[in-house]
Amino acid sequence: MEHSASKQQIRSYIIQSQEEEIKRISMELHEGVGQSLFSILTGLQLVELGLSEPHLKNYLHEMTQLIEKSIQEIRLLSVELHPPALAILGLLPAIKSYIKLYTSTFGILVDLESTGEERKIPEQKSVAVFRVCQEALANIAKYADTSNVKMSLVWKEEELRISVIDFGGGFVVDEMGNNHVTLGIAAMKERMLLTGGHCVISSKIGEGTSVEISLPL
């Protein structure tokens, strides 16, 4: 028993370390690269105002548009890596802001419903739940061939239950080899087990896939 507990501690430590690194990269992108680009953009816009030659003005305008696009992409990537809303506002606002980003990127509408009173969750656990939801939505975008997803959060006194249903093509869970999807599913289950919760994935051909998450509160 002692041996398996230490293995679990190691797995938990690895995931925690990864999250810290992801958070650092996210901050570096937003505060570092993003801010530098913003300073360059402001400078170029000032130069553009002072130019009189039309061809140079047009060229500079194209450059400023490209930098604006890069800033936007960095912002999105930073939020995707580690949503600031998660630590500041909590799990539900973080999921809402991610869904906005998800719909604008993939064109998949997510019908989100939350019932019961939202509770404060320790950051380590809320990050785990967020990552599992993120993985479930990413898999839908890659494999499900659907434009609608139903997601529900049910807050109870003793637990939070989340379901993500895609109404897509579905797959046979037992027939999948060792590929990215099965590894992703294993990681989702592992993350939830380390929080003391569960993640159950079921799928039927032609009916879609459902991911059911439970987290004790």
N, C-alpha and C. Protein backbone atom coordinates (compact mmCIF):
# COMPACT_ATOMS: atom_id res chain seq x y z
N MET A 1 0.83 -1.22 0.00
CA MET A 1 0.00 0.00 0.00
C MET A 1 0.86 1.26 0.00
N GLU A 2 1.97 1.17 0.79
CA GLU A 2 2.86 2.32 0.92
C GLU A 2 3.46 2.69 -0.43
N HIS A 3 3.81 1.61 -1.20
CA HIS A 3 4.45 1.81 -2.50
C HIS A 3 3.53 2.55 -3.48
N SER A 4 2.22 2.12 -3.53
CA SER A 4 1.29 2.75 -4.46
C SER A 4 1.00 4.21 -4.05
N ALA A 5 0.99 4.46 -2.74
CA ALA A 5 0.77 5.84 -2.26
C ALA A 5 1.92 6.74 -2.72
N SER A 6 3.16 6.25 -2.64
CA SER A 6 4.29 7.07 -3.06
C SER A 6 4.25 7.30 -4.58
N LYS A 7 3.79 6.29 -5.33
CA LYS A 7 3.63 6.45 -6.79
C LYS A 7 2.63 7.56 -7.08
N GLN A 8 1.54 7.55 -6.32
CA GLN A 8 0.49 8.56 -6.49
C GLN A 8 1.03 9.96 -6.17
N GLN A 9 1.85 10.04 -5.12
CA GLN A 9 2.45 11.32 -4.74
C GLN A 9 3.36 11.84 -5.85
N ILE A 10 4.11 10.90 -6.46
CA ILE A 10 5.02 11.27 -7.56
C ILE A 10 4.22 11.80 -8.74
N ARG A 11 3.14 11.08 -9.10
CA ARG A 11 2.30 11.50 -10.23
C ARG A 11 1.69 12.88 -9.97
N SER A 12 1.23 13.06 -8.72
CA SER A 12 0.64 14.34 -8.33
C SER A 12 1.67 15.46 -8.42
N TYR A 13 2.89 15.16 -7.97
CA TYR A 13 3.98 16.15 -8.01
C TYR A 13 4.31 16.52 -9.45
N ILE A 14 4.36 15.52 -10.34
CA ILE A 14 4.69 15.77 -11.76
C ILE A 14 3.64 16.69 -12.38
N ILE A 15 2.37 16.37 -12.15
CA ILE A 15 1.27 17.19 -12.72
C ILE A 15 1.34 18.61 -12.17
N GLN A 16 1.57 18.73 -10.85
CA GLN A 16 1.66 20.05 -10.22
C GLN A 16 2.80 20.86 -10.81
N SER A 17 3.97 20.19 -11.01
CA SER A 17 5.14 20.87 -11.58
C SER A 17 4.85 21.35 -13.00
N GLN A 18 4.17 20.48 -13.78
CA GLN A 18 3.80 20.86 -15.15
C GLN A 18 2.91 22.09 -15.15
N GLU A 19 1.94 22.11 -14.23
CA GLU A 19 1.01 23.24 -14.15
C GLU A 19 1.73 24.54 -13.80
N GLU A 20 2.70 24.44 -12.88
CA GLU A 20 3.47 25.63 -12.50
C GLU A 20 4.24 26.17 -13.71
N GLU A 21 4.82 25.23 -14.50
CA GLU A 21 5.59 25.61 -15.68
C GLU A 21 4.68 26.24 -16.75
N ILE A 22 3.50 25.63 -16.94
CA ILE A 22 2.52 26.16 -17.91
C ILE A 22 2.10 27.57 -17.51
N LYS A 23 1.86 27.77 -16.19
CA LYS A 23 1.46 29.07 -15.67
C LYS A 23 2.55 30.11 -15.95
N ARG A 24 3.82 29.70 -15.74
CA ARG A 24 4.96 30.60 -15.96
C ARG A 24 5.06 30.99 -17.43
N ILE A 25 4.91 29.99 -18.33
CA ILE A 25 4.98 30.26 -19.78
C ILE A 25 3.84 31.19 -20.21
N SER A 26 2.65 30.92 -19.66
CA SER A 26 1.48 31.75 -19.97
C SER A 26 1.71 33.20 -19.57
N MET A 27 2.25 33.41 -18.35
CA MET A 27 2.53 34.76 -17.87
C MET A 27 3.61 35.43 -18.72
N GLU A 28 4.63 34.64 -19.07
CA GLU A 28 5.75 35.15 -19.88
C GLU A 28 5.25 35.61 -21.25
N LEU A 29 4.35 34.82 -21.85
CA LEU A 29 3.77 35.18 -23.15
C LEU A 29 2.99 36.48 -23.04
N HIS A 30 2.15 36.55 -22.01
CA HIS A 30 1.25 37.71 -21.87
C HIS A 30 2.01 38.96 -21.43
N GLU A 31 2.78 38.82 -20.34
CA GLU A 31 3.46 39.98 -19.76
C GLU A 31 4.74 40.34 -20.52
N GLY A 32 5.42 39.33 -21.08
CA GLY A 32 6.69 39.57 -21.76
C GLY A 32 6.53 39.87 -23.23
N VAL A 33 6.36 38.80 -24.04
CA VAL A 33 6.27 38.93 -25.50
C VAL A 33 5.09 39.83 -25.90
N GLY A 34 3.92 39.60 -25.27
CA GLY A 34 2.72 40.38 -25.60
C GLY A 34 2.93 41.87 -25.37
N GLN A 35 3.54 42.21 -24.21
CA GLN A 35 3.78 43.62 -23.88
C GLN A 35 4.81 44.27 -24.81
N SER A 36 5.86 43.50 -25.16
CA SER A 36 6.88 44.02 -26.09
C SER A 36 6.26 44.34 -27.44
N LEU A 37 5.43 43.42 -27.94
CA LEU A 37 4.76 43.64 -29.23
C LEU A 37 3.85 44.86 -29.16
N PHE A 38 3.19 45.02 -28.02
CA PHE A 38 2.28 46.16 -27.86
C PHE A 38 3.06 47.48 -27.91
N SER A 39 4.26 47.49 -27.29
CA SER A 39 5.11 48.69 -27.33
C SER A 39 5.56 48.99 -28.76
N ILE A 40 5.93 47.94 -29.51
CA ILE A 40 6.34 48.10 -30.92
C ILE A 40 5.17 48.65 -31.74
N LEU A 41 4.00 48.09 -31.49
CA LEU A 41 2.79 48.52 -32.22
C LEU A 41 2.53 50.02 -31.99
N THR A 42 2.58 50.45 -30.72
CA THR A 42 2.35 51.87 -30.39
C THR A 42 3.37 52.76 -31.09
N GLY A 43 4.64 52.32 -31.08
CA GLY A 43 5.71 53.08 -31.74
C GLY A 43 5.48 53.20 -33.24
N LEU A 44 5.12 52.09 -33.88
CA LEU A 44 4.88 52.10 -35.33
C LEU A 44 3.68 52.97 -35.70
N GLN A 45 2.65 52.95 -34.85
CA GLN A 45 1.47 53.78 -35.12
C GLN A 45 1.83 55.27 -35.08
N LEU A 46 2.75 55.64 -34.18
CA LEU A 46 3.22 57.04 -34.11
C LEU A 46 4.02 57.41 -35.37
N VAL A 47 4.89 56.47 -35.80
CA VAL A 47 5.69 56.69 -37.02
C VAL A 47 4.76 56.85 -38.22
N GLU A 48 3.72 55.99 -38.28
CA GLU A 48 2.75 56.01 -39.40
C GLU A 48 2.07 57.38 -39.51
N LEU A 49 1.77 57.98 -38.35
CA LEU A 49 1.12 59.31 -38.34
C LEU A 49 2.03 60.38 -38.95
N GLY A 50 3.36 60.21 -38.77
CA GLY A 50 4.29 61.23 -39.24
C GLY A 50 4.75 61.04 -40.69
N LEU A 51 4.36 59.93 -41.31
CA LEU A 51 4.80 59.67 -42.70
C LEU A 51 3.91 60.38 -43.71
N SER A 52 4.54 60.84 -44.80
CA SER A 52 3.75 61.49 -45.84
C SER A 52 3.68 60.63 -47.12
N GLU A 53 4.72 59.79 -47.39
CA GLU A 53 4.70 58.97 -48.62
C GLU A 53 3.64 57.86 -48.51
N PRO A 54 2.66 57.83 -49.47
CA PRO A 54 1.56 56.85 -49.39
C PRO A 54 2.04 55.39 -49.35
N HIS A 55 3.07 55.03 -50.19
CA HIS A 55 3.47 53.62 -50.25
C HIS A 55 4.09 53.16 -48.91
N LEU A 56 4.84 54.08 -48.26
CA LEU A 56 5.43 53.75 -46.96
C LEU A 56 4.34 53.66 -45.89
N LYS A 57 3.39 54.58 -46.01
CA LYS A 57 2.26 54.61 -45.05
C LYS A 57 1.48 53.30 -45.13
N ASN A 58 1.20 52.84 -46.37
CA ASN A 58 0.47 51.59 -46.58
C ASN A 58 1.24 50.39 -46.03
N TYR A 59 2.56 50.38 -46.31
CA TYR A 59 3.41 49.27 -45.85
C TYR A 59 3.42 49.21 -44.32
N LEU A 60 3.56 50.38 -43.70
CA LEU A 60 3.60 50.44 -42.24
C LEU A 60 2.25 50.02 -41.64
N HIS A 61 1.18 50.40 -42.32
CA HIS A 61 -0.16 50.02 -41.85
C HIS A 61 -0.33 48.49 -41.86
N GLU A 62 0.18 47.86 -42.93
CA GLU A 62 0.14 46.38 -43.01
C GLU A 62 0.92 45.76 -41.85
N MET A 63 2.08 46.36 -41.55
CA MET A 63 2.90 45.86 -40.44
C MET A 63 2.16 45.96 -39.10
N THR A 64 1.50 47.11 -38.88
CA THR A 64 0.79 47.29 -37.61
C THR A 64 -0.37 46.31 -37.49
N GLN A 65 -1.04 46.01 -38.62
CA GLN A 65 -2.14 45.03 -38.60
C GLN A 65 -1.63 43.64 -38.25
N LEU A 66 -0.45 43.29 -38.80
CA LEU A 66 0.17 41.99 -38.53
C LEU A 66 0.54 41.86 -37.05
N ILE A 67 1.08 42.95 -36.48
CA ILE A 67 1.45 42.93 -35.06
C ILE A 67 0.19 42.82 -34.19
N GLU A 68 -0.87 43.55 -34.56
CA GLU A 68 -2.13 43.45 -33.81
C GLU A 68 -2.66 42.01 -33.79
N LYS A 69 -2.56 41.36 -34.95
CA LYS A 69 -3.01 39.96 -35.08
C LYS A 69 -2.16 39.05 -34.17
N SER A 70 -0.84 39.30 -34.16
CA SER A 70 0.06 38.50 -33.32
C SER A 70 -0.24 38.68 -31.85
N ILE A 71 -0.55 39.93 -31.45
CA ILE A 71 -0.89 40.21 -30.04
C ILE A 71 -2.14 39.44 -29.65
N GLN A 72 -3.13 39.44 -30.54
CA GLN A 72 -4.39 38.73 -30.28
C GLN A 72 -4.14 37.23 -30.13
N GLU A 73 -3.30 36.67 -31.02
CA GLU A 73 -2.99 35.23 -30.97
C GLU A 73 -2.27 34.87 -29.68
N ILE A 74 -1.35 35.74 -29.24
CA ILE A 74 -0.62 35.50 -27.99
C ILE A 74 -1.57 35.55 -26.80
N ARG A 75 -2.49 36.51 -26.82
CA ARG A 75 -3.49 36.60 -25.73
C ARG A 75 -4.31 35.31 -25.63
N LEU A 76 -4.77 34.84 -26.81
CA LEU A 76 -5.59 33.62 -26.84
C LEU A 76 -4.79 32.42 -26.34
N LEU A 77 -3.55 32.30 -26.80
CA LEU A 77 -2.69 31.20 -26.39
C LEU A 77 -2.42 31.23 -24.89
N SER A 78 -2.19 32.43 -24.38
CA SER A 78 -1.93 32.62 -22.95
C SER A 78 -3.14 32.16 -22.12
N VAL A 79 -4.34 32.55 -22.55
CA VAL A 79 -5.57 32.16 -21.84
C VAL A 79 -5.78 30.65 -21.93
N GLU A 80 -5.47 30.08 -23.10
CA GLU A 80 -5.64 28.65 -23.31
C GLU A 80 -4.70 27.87 -22.39
N LEU A 81 -3.47 28.36 -22.25
CA LEU A 81 -2.49 27.68 -21.39
C LEU A 81 -2.90 27.75 -19.93
N HIS A 82 -3.24 28.96 -19.48
CA HIS A 82 -3.63 29.11 -18.07
C HIS A 82 -4.57 30.30 -17.93
N PRO A 83 -5.88 30.04 -17.86
CA PRO A 83 -6.83 31.17 -17.78
C PRO A 83 -6.69 31.91 -16.45
N PRO A 84 -6.41 33.23 -16.48
CA PRO A 84 -6.29 33.97 -15.23
C PRO A 84 -7.56 33.91 -14.39
N ALA A 85 -8.70 33.73 -15.07
CA ALA A 85 -9.99 33.68 -14.36
C ALA A 85 -10.05 32.51 -13.37
N LEU A 86 -9.27 31.46 -13.63
CA LEU A 86 -9.32 30.25 -12.80
C LEU A 86 -8.94 30.54 -11.35
N ALA A 87 -7.82 31.23 -11.18
CA ALA A 87 -7.35 31.54 -9.81
C ALA A 87 -8.13 32.70 -9.21
N ILE A 88 -8.52 33.68 -10.06
CA ILE A 88 -9.13 34.91 -9.52
C ILE A 88 -10.63 34.75 -9.31
N LEU A 89 -11.32 34.22 -10.34
CA LEU A 89 -12.79 34.18 -10.27
C LEU A 89 -13.37 32.79 -9.99
N GLY A 90 -12.59 31.74 -10.27
CA GLY A 90 -13.08 30.40 -10.00
C GLY A 90 -13.33 29.59 -11.26
N LEU A 91 -13.77 28.33 -11.06
CA LEU A 91 -13.89 27.36 -12.15
C LEU A 91 -14.92 27.74 -13.21
N LEU A 92 -16.13 28.12 -12.78
CA LEU A 92 -17.20 28.40 -13.75
C LEU A 92 -16.86 29.57 -14.69
N PRO A 93 -16.40 30.74 -14.17
CA PRO A 93 -16.01 31.82 -15.08
C PRO A 93 -14.87 31.41 -16.03
N ALA A 94 -13.94 30.58 -15.52
CA ALA A 94 -12.82 30.12 -16.37
C ALA A 94 -13.34 29.25 -17.50
N ILE A 95 -14.29 28.37 -17.20
CA ILE A 95 -14.88 27.51 -18.23
C ILE A 95 -15.64 28.37 -19.24
N LYS A 96 -16.38 29.36 -18.74
CA LYS A 96 -17.13 30.26 -19.64
C LYS A 96 -16.20 31.00 -20.60
N SER A 97 -15.08 31.52 -20.06
CA SER A 97 -14.17 32.28 -20.92
C SER A 97 -13.48 31.35 -21.91
N TYR A 98 -13.19 30.11 -21.50
CA TYR A 98 -12.57 29.14 -22.41
C TYR A 98 -13.55 28.75 -23.53
N ILE A 99 -14.82 28.59 -23.18
CA ILE A 99 -15.84 28.22 -24.17
C ILE A 99 -15.97 29.30 -25.25
N LYS A 100 -15.90 30.57 -24.83
CA LYS A 100 -15.94 31.69 -25.78
C LYS A 100 -14.81 31.56 -26.80
N LEU A 101 -13.62 31.33 -26.27
CA LEU A 101 -12.43 31.15 -27.09
C LEU A 101 -12.57 29.93 -28.00
N TYR A 102 -13.11 28.85 -27.45
CA TYR A 102 -13.30 27.58 -28.15
C TYR A 102 -14.27 27.74 -29.32
N THR A 103 -15.40 28.41 -29.06
CA THR A 103 -16.41 28.62 -30.12
C THR A 103 -15.86 29.50 -31.23
N SER A 104 -15.14 30.58 -30.85
CA SER A 104 -14.60 31.47 -31.89
C SER A 104 -13.50 30.77 -32.71
N THR A 105 -12.80 29.79 -32.09
CA THR A 105 -11.74 29.07 -32.81
C THR A 105 -12.30 27.96 -33.69
N PHE A 106 -13.23 27.15 -33.16
CA PHE A 106 -13.68 25.95 -33.88
C PHE A 106 -15.09 26.05 -34.46
N GLY A 107 -15.83 27.10 -34.08
CA GLY A 107 -17.20 27.24 -34.59
C GLY A 107 -18.16 26.24 -33.98
N ILE A 108 -17.78 25.62 -32.86
CA ILE A 108 -18.66 24.64 -32.19
C ILE A 108 -19.37 25.34 -31.03
N LEU A 109 -20.69 25.30 -31.05
CA LEU A 109 -21.47 25.96 -30.00
C LEU A 109 -21.57 25.06 -28.78
N VAL A 110 -21.33 25.62 -27.60
CA VAL A 110 -21.41 24.85 -26.36
C VAL A 110 -22.56 25.41 -25.53
N ASP A 111 -23.56 24.56 -25.33
CA ASP A 111 -24.71 24.94 -24.50
C ASP A 111 -24.34 24.63 -23.05
N LEU A 112 -23.98 25.68 -22.30
CA LEU A 112 -23.50 25.50 -20.92
C LEU A 112 -24.61 25.82 -19.92
N GLU A 113 -24.80 24.89 -18.98
CA GLU A 113 -25.83 25.09 -17.96
C GLU A 113 -25.22 24.77 -16.60
N SER A 114 -25.43 25.67 -15.64
CA SER A 114 -24.92 25.43 -14.29
C SER A 114 -26.08 25.53 -13.31
N THR A 115 -26.27 24.46 -12.51
CA THR A 115 -27.35 24.49 -11.53
C THR A 115 -26.78 24.29 -10.13
N GLY A 116 -27.44 24.91 -9.17
CA GLY A 116 -26.95 24.86 -7.79
C GLY A 116 -26.01 26.03 -7.54
N GLU A 117 -25.56 26.16 -6.30
CA GLU A 117 -24.73 27.30 -5.94
C GLU A 117 -23.25 26.96 -6.13
N GLU A 118 -22.57 27.81 -6.91
CA GLU A 118 -21.15 27.58 -7.18
C GLU A 118 -20.35 27.65 -5.88
N ARG A 119 -19.41 26.71 -5.74
CA ARG A 119 -18.60 26.64 -4.51
C ARG A 119 -17.14 26.95 -4.83
N LYS A 120 -16.40 27.39 -3.84
CA LYS A 120 -14.97 27.65 -4.01
C LYS A 120 -14.24 26.32 -3.98
N ILE A 121 -13.37 26.10 -4.97
CA ILE A 121 -12.60 24.86 -5.05
C ILE A 121 -11.11 25.21 -4.95
N PRO A 122 -10.32 24.43 -4.19
CA PRO A 122 -8.88 24.69 -4.13
C PRO A 122 -8.27 24.69 -5.54
N GLU A 123 -7.28 25.57 -5.76
CA GLU A 123 -6.75 25.77 -7.12
C GLU A 123 -6.27 24.49 -7.78
N GLN A 124 -5.58 23.64 -7.03
CA GLN A 124 -5.04 22.40 -7.60
C GLN A 124 -6.17 21.54 -8.18
N LYS A 125 -7.28 21.47 -7.44
CA LYS A 125 -8.42 20.66 -7.91
C LYS A 125 -9.15 21.32 -9.07
N SER A 126 -9.32 22.65 -8.99
CA SER A 126 -10.03 23.34 -10.08
C SER A 126 -9.22 23.30 -11.37
N VAL A 127 -7.88 23.33 -11.26
CA VAL A 127 -7.02 23.20 -12.45
C VAL A 127 -7.22 21.82 -13.06
N ALA A 128 -7.26 20.78 -12.23
CA ALA A 128 -7.45 19.41 -12.72
C ALA A 128 -8.78 19.28 -13.48
N VAL A 129 -9.85 19.80 -12.88
CA VAL A 129 -11.18 19.72 -13.52
C VAL A 129 -11.18 20.52 -14.83
N PHE A 130 -10.58 21.72 -14.79
CA PHE A 130 -10.51 22.56 -15.98
C PHE A 130 -9.78 21.84 -17.11
N ARG A 131 -8.64 21.21 -16.78
CA ARG A 131 -7.86 20.49 -17.80
C ARG A 131 -8.65 19.33 -18.41
N VAL A 132 -9.42 18.63 -17.59
CA VAL A 132 -10.22 17.50 -18.09
C VAL A 132 -11.30 18.03 -19.04
N CYS A 133 -11.96 19.12 -18.67
CA CYS A 133 -12.97 19.74 -19.55
C CYS A 133 -12.33 20.21 -20.86
N GLN A 134 -11.15 20.81 -20.73
CA GLN A 134 -10.40 21.31 -21.89
C GLN A 134 -10.07 20.16 -22.85
N GLU A 135 -9.59 19.04 -22.28
CA GLU A 135 -9.24 17.85 -23.08
C GLU A 135 -10.48 17.28 -23.76
N ALA A 136 -11.61 17.23 -23.01
CA ALA A 136 -12.86 16.70 -23.57
C ALA A 136 -13.30 17.56 -24.76
N LEU A 137 -13.25 18.89 -24.61
CA LEU A 137 -13.66 19.80 -25.68
C LEU A 137 -12.69 19.74 -26.87
N ALA A 138 -11.39 19.61 -26.58
CA ALA A 138 -10.39 19.52 -27.65
C ALA A 138 -10.61 18.25 -28.47
N ASN A 139 -10.93 17.13 -27.80
CA ASN A 139 -11.20 15.87 -28.51
C ASN A 139 -12.43 15.99 -29.40
N ILE A 140 -13.44 16.71 -28.91
CA ILE A 140 -14.66 16.92 -29.71
C ILE A 140 -14.31 17.67 -30.99
N ALA A 141 -13.51 18.73 -30.85
CA ALA A 141 -13.12 19.54 -32.02
C ALA A 141 -12.33 18.71 -33.02
N LYS A 142 -11.48 17.79 -32.53
CA LYS A 142 -10.63 17.01 -33.42
C LYS A 142 -11.37 15.83 -34.07
N TYR A 143 -12.21 15.14 -33.28
CA TYR A 143 -12.70 13.84 -33.76
C TYR A 143 -14.21 13.68 -33.88
N ALA A 144 -15.00 14.52 -33.20
CA ALA A 144 -16.43 14.20 -33.08
C ALA A 144 -17.27 14.55 -34.30
N ASP A 145 -16.80 15.49 -35.15
CA ASP A 145 -17.57 15.94 -36.31
C ASP A 145 -18.98 16.38 -35.91
N THR A 146 -19.03 17.39 -35.06
CA THR A 146 -20.30 17.92 -34.58
C THR A 146 -20.17 19.44 -34.41
N SER A 147 -21.30 20.13 -34.39
CA SER A 147 -21.24 21.59 -34.19
C SER A 147 -21.95 22.00 -32.90
N ASN A 148 -22.44 20.99 -32.16
CA ASN A 148 -23.14 21.29 -30.91
C ASN A 148 -22.66 20.41 -29.77
N VAL A 149 -22.46 21.04 -28.62
CA VAL A 149 -22.03 20.32 -27.42
C VAL A 149 -22.90 20.78 -26.26
N LYS A 150 -23.29 19.84 -25.42
CA LYS A 150 -24.05 20.21 -24.21
C LYS A 150 -23.16 19.96 -23.00
N MET A 151 -23.02 20.98 -22.19
CA MET A 151 -22.18 20.86 -21.00
C MET A 151 -22.96 21.31 -19.78
N SER A 152 -22.97 20.49 -18.75
CA SER A 152 -23.71 20.89 -17.55
C SER A 152 -22.87 20.71 -16.30
N LEU A 153 -23.01 21.66 -15.38
CA LEU A 153 -22.36 21.60 -14.07
C LEU A 153 -23.46 21.56 -13.03
N VAL A 154 -23.41 20.56 -12.16
CA VAL A 154 -24.40 20.46 -11.08
C VAL A 154 -23.65 20.55 -9.75
N TRP A 155 -23.90 21.66 -9.03
CA TRP A 155 -23.23 21.90 -7.73
C TRP A 155 -24.11 21.36 -6.63
N LYS A 156 -23.58 20.39 -5.88
CA LYS A 156 -24.30 19.87 -4.72
C LYS A 156 -23.47 20.16 -3.47
N GLU A 157 -24.06 19.87 -2.33
CA GLU A 157 -23.37 20.14 -1.06
C GLU A 157 -22.06 19.36 -0.97
N GLU A 158 -22.12 18.08 -1.43
CA GLU A 158 -20.96 17.21 -1.22
C GLU A 158 -20.13 16.95 -2.48
N GLU A 159 -20.65 17.34 -3.66
CA GLU A 159 -19.87 17.10 -4.88
C GLU A 159 -20.28 18.00 -6.04
N LEU A 160 -19.36 18.11 -7.00
CA LEU A 160 -19.64 18.79 -8.26
C LEU A 160 -19.66 17.74 -9.34
N ARG A 161 -20.73 17.74 -10.14
CA ARG A 161 -20.82 16.80 -11.26
C ARG A 161 -20.84 17.60 -12.57
N ILE A 162 -20.01 17.18 -13.51
CA ILE A 162 -19.95 17.86 -14.82
C ILE A 162 -20.15 16.81 -15.90
N SER A 163 -20.98 17.14 -16.88
CA SER A 163 -21.10 16.24 -18.04
C SER A 163 -20.89 17.04 -19.32
N VAL A 164 -20.18 16.41 -20.26
CA VAL A 164 -19.92 17.00 -21.58
C VAL A 164 -20.38 15.99 -22.61
N ILE A 165 -21.43 16.36 -23.37
CA ILE A 165 -22.01 15.43 -24.37
C ILE A 165 -21.89 16.06 -25.75
N ASP A 166 -21.38 15.28 -26.73
CA ASP A 166 -21.11 15.90 -28.04
C ASP A 166 -22.06 15.55 -29.20
N PHE A 167 -22.90 14.53 -29.07
CA PHE A 167 -23.85 14.15 -30.14
C PHE A 167 -23.15 13.90 -31.48
N GLY A 168 -21.88 13.54 -31.45
CA GLY A 168 -21.11 13.32 -32.69
C GLY A 168 -21.18 11.88 -33.16
N GLY A 169 -20.13 11.47 -33.89
CA GLY A 169 -20.11 10.13 -34.50
C GLY A 169 -19.90 9.01 -33.52
N GLY A 170 -19.24 9.29 -32.39
CA GLY A 170 -18.98 8.27 -31.39
C GLY A 170 -17.86 7.32 -31.80
N PHE A 171 -17.44 6.48 -30.87
CA PHE A 171 -16.41 5.48 -31.15
C PHE A 171 -16.57 4.30 -30.20
N VAL A 172 -15.93 3.18 -30.53
CA VAL A 172 -15.98 2.01 -29.66
C VAL A 172 -14.74 2.08 -28.75
N VAL A 173 -14.99 2.32 -27.47
CA VAL A 173 -13.90 2.56 -26.52
C VAL A 173 -12.89 1.40 -26.51
N ASP A 174 -13.39 0.15 -26.48
CA ASP A 174 -12.50 -1.02 -26.37
C ASP A 174 -11.67 -1.28 -27.62
N GLU A 175 -12.09 -0.73 -28.76
CA GLU A 175 -11.40 -1.05 -30.02
C GLU A 175 -10.29 -0.06 -30.36
N MET A 176 -10.05 0.90 -29.48
CA MET A 176 -9.03 1.90 -29.77
C MET A 176 -7.68 1.43 -29.27
N GLY A 177 -6.66 1.57 -30.12
CA GLY A 177 -5.31 1.16 -29.72
C GLY A 177 -4.67 2.22 -28.83
N ASN A 178 -3.34 2.15 -28.75
CA ASN A 178 -2.61 3.14 -27.94
C ASN A 178 -2.33 4.39 -28.76
N ASN A 179 -3.32 5.25 -28.93
CA ASN A 179 -3.10 6.47 -29.70
C ASN A 179 -3.31 7.69 -28.81
N HIS A 180 -3.31 8.88 -29.43
CA HIS A 180 -3.44 10.13 -28.66
C HIS A 180 -4.74 10.18 -27.87
N VAL A 181 -5.82 9.65 -28.48
CA VAL A 181 -7.13 9.72 -27.80
C VAL A 181 -7.11 8.87 -26.54
N THR A 182 -6.63 7.62 -26.65
CA THR A 182 -6.64 6.74 -25.48
C THR A 182 -5.70 7.26 -24.40
N LEU A 183 -4.57 7.82 -24.81
CA LEU A 183 -3.64 8.40 -23.84
C LEU A 183 -4.27 9.62 -23.16
N GLY A 184 -4.99 10.42 -23.96
CA GLY A 184 -5.69 11.59 -23.43
C GLY A 184 -6.76 11.18 -22.43
N ILE A 185 -7.51 10.11 -22.77
CA ILE A 185 -8.55 9.59 -21.87
C ILE A 185 -7.93 9.10 -20.56
N ALA A 186 -6.81 8.37 -20.69
CA ALA A 186 -6.12 7.86 -19.49
C ALA A 186 -5.66 9.02 -18.60
N ALA A 187 -5.15 10.09 -19.23
CA ALA A 187 -4.68 11.27 -18.48
C ALA A 187 -5.85 11.96 -17.77
N MET A 188 -7.01 12.04 -18.46
CA MET A 188 -8.19 12.65 -17.86
C MET A 188 -8.61 11.88 -16.60
N LYS A 189 -8.64 10.55 -16.73
CA LYS A 189 -9.04 9.71 -15.59
C LYS A 189 -8.04 9.84 -14.45
N GLU A 190 -6.76 9.85 -14.80
CA GLU A 190 -5.68 9.97 -13.80
C GLU A 190 -5.78 11.29 -13.03
N ARG A 191 -5.99 12.38 -13.76
CA ARG A 191 -6.11 13.70 -13.11
C ARG A 191 -7.24 13.70 -12.08
N MET A 192 -8.39 13.13 -12.47
CA MET A 192 -9.53 13.12 -11.56
C MET A 192 -9.30 12.21 -10.36
N LEU A 193 -8.64 11.06 -10.59
CA LEU A 193 -8.34 10.15 -9.47
C LEU A 193 -7.46 10.84 -8.44
N LEU A 194 -6.50 11.64 -8.92
CA LEU A 194 -5.58 12.34 -8.01
C LEU A 194 -6.30 13.41 -7.17
N THR A 195 -7.48 13.87 -7.63
CA THR A 195 -8.25 14.85 -6.85
C THR A 195 -9.23 14.14 -5.91
N GLY A 196 -9.29 12.80 -6.02
CA GLY A 196 -10.27 12.05 -5.23
C GLY A 196 -11.59 11.91 -5.96
N GLY A 197 -11.62 12.36 -7.23
CA GLY A 197 -12.84 12.30 -8.03
C GLY A 197 -12.79 11.19 -9.07
N HIS A 198 -13.69 11.28 -10.04
CA HIS A 198 -13.78 10.25 -11.10
C HIS A 198 -14.06 10.89 -12.44
N CYS A 199 -13.65 10.20 -13.49
CA CYS A 199 -13.99 10.61 -14.86
C CYS A 199 -14.40 9.36 -15.62
N VAL A 200 -15.64 9.33 -16.11
CA VAL A 200 -16.15 8.17 -16.84
C VAL A 200 -16.49 8.60 -18.26
N ILE A 201 -15.96 7.87 -19.24
CA ILE A 201 -16.19 8.21 -20.65
C ILE A 201 -16.95 7.08 -21.31
N SER A 202 -18.09 7.41 -21.92
CA SER A 202 -18.85 6.39 -22.64
C SER A 202 -19.20 6.92 -24.02
N SER A 203 -19.26 5.99 -24.99
CA SER A 203 -19.52 6.41 -26.37
C SER A 203 -20.27 5.33 -27.13
N LYS A 204 -21.13 5.78 -28.05
CA LYS A 204 -21.87 4.85 -28.92
C LYS A 204 -21.77 5.36 -30.34
N ILE A 205 -21.50 4.46 -31.27
CA ILE A 205 -21.41 4.84 -32.68
C ILE A 205 -22.74 5.46 -33.11
N GLY A 206 -22.66 6.63 -33.73
CA GLY A 206 -23.87 7.31 -34.23
C GLY A 206 -24.61 8.12 -33.19
N GLU A 207 -24.25 7.97 -31.91
CA GLU A 207 -24.97 8.70 -30.85
C GLU A 207 -24.09 9.71 -30.12
N GLY A 208 -22.77 9.58 -30.28
CA GLY A 208 -21.88 10.54 -29.65
C GLY A 208 -21.19 10.02 -28.40
N THR A 209 -20.51 10.92 -27.74
CA THR A 209 -19.67 10.57 -26.59
C THR A 209 -20.05 11.44 -25.40
N SER A 210 -20.02 10.84 -24.21
CA SER A 210 -20.26 11.65 -23.00
C SER A 210 -19.11 11.46 -22.03
N VAL A 211 -18.72 12.58 -21.43
CA VAL A 211 -17.68 12.57 -20.40
C VAL A 211 -18.35 13.02 -19.11
N GLU A 212 -18.30 12.16 -18.10
CA GLU A 212 -18.93 12.47 -16.81
C GLU A 212 -17.82 12.62 -15.76
N ILE A 213 -17.81 13.79 -15.11
CA ILE A 213 -16.78 14.09 -14.12
C ILE A 213 -17.44 14.29 -12.77
N SER A 214 -16.85 13.71 -11.72
CA SER A 214 -17.37 14.01 -10.38
C SER A 214 -16.19 14.39 -9.48
N LEU A 215 -16.41 15.43 -8.68
CA LEU A 215 -15.37 15.93 -7.77
C LEU A 215 -15.98 16.11 -6.39
N PRO A 216 -15.47 15.40 -5.37
CA PRO A 216 -16.00 15.64 -4.02
C PRO A 216 -15.62 17.03 -3.52
N LEU A 217 -16.56 17.69 -2.88
CA LEU A 217 -16.31 19.05 -2.38
C LEU A 217 -16.13 19.03 -0.86
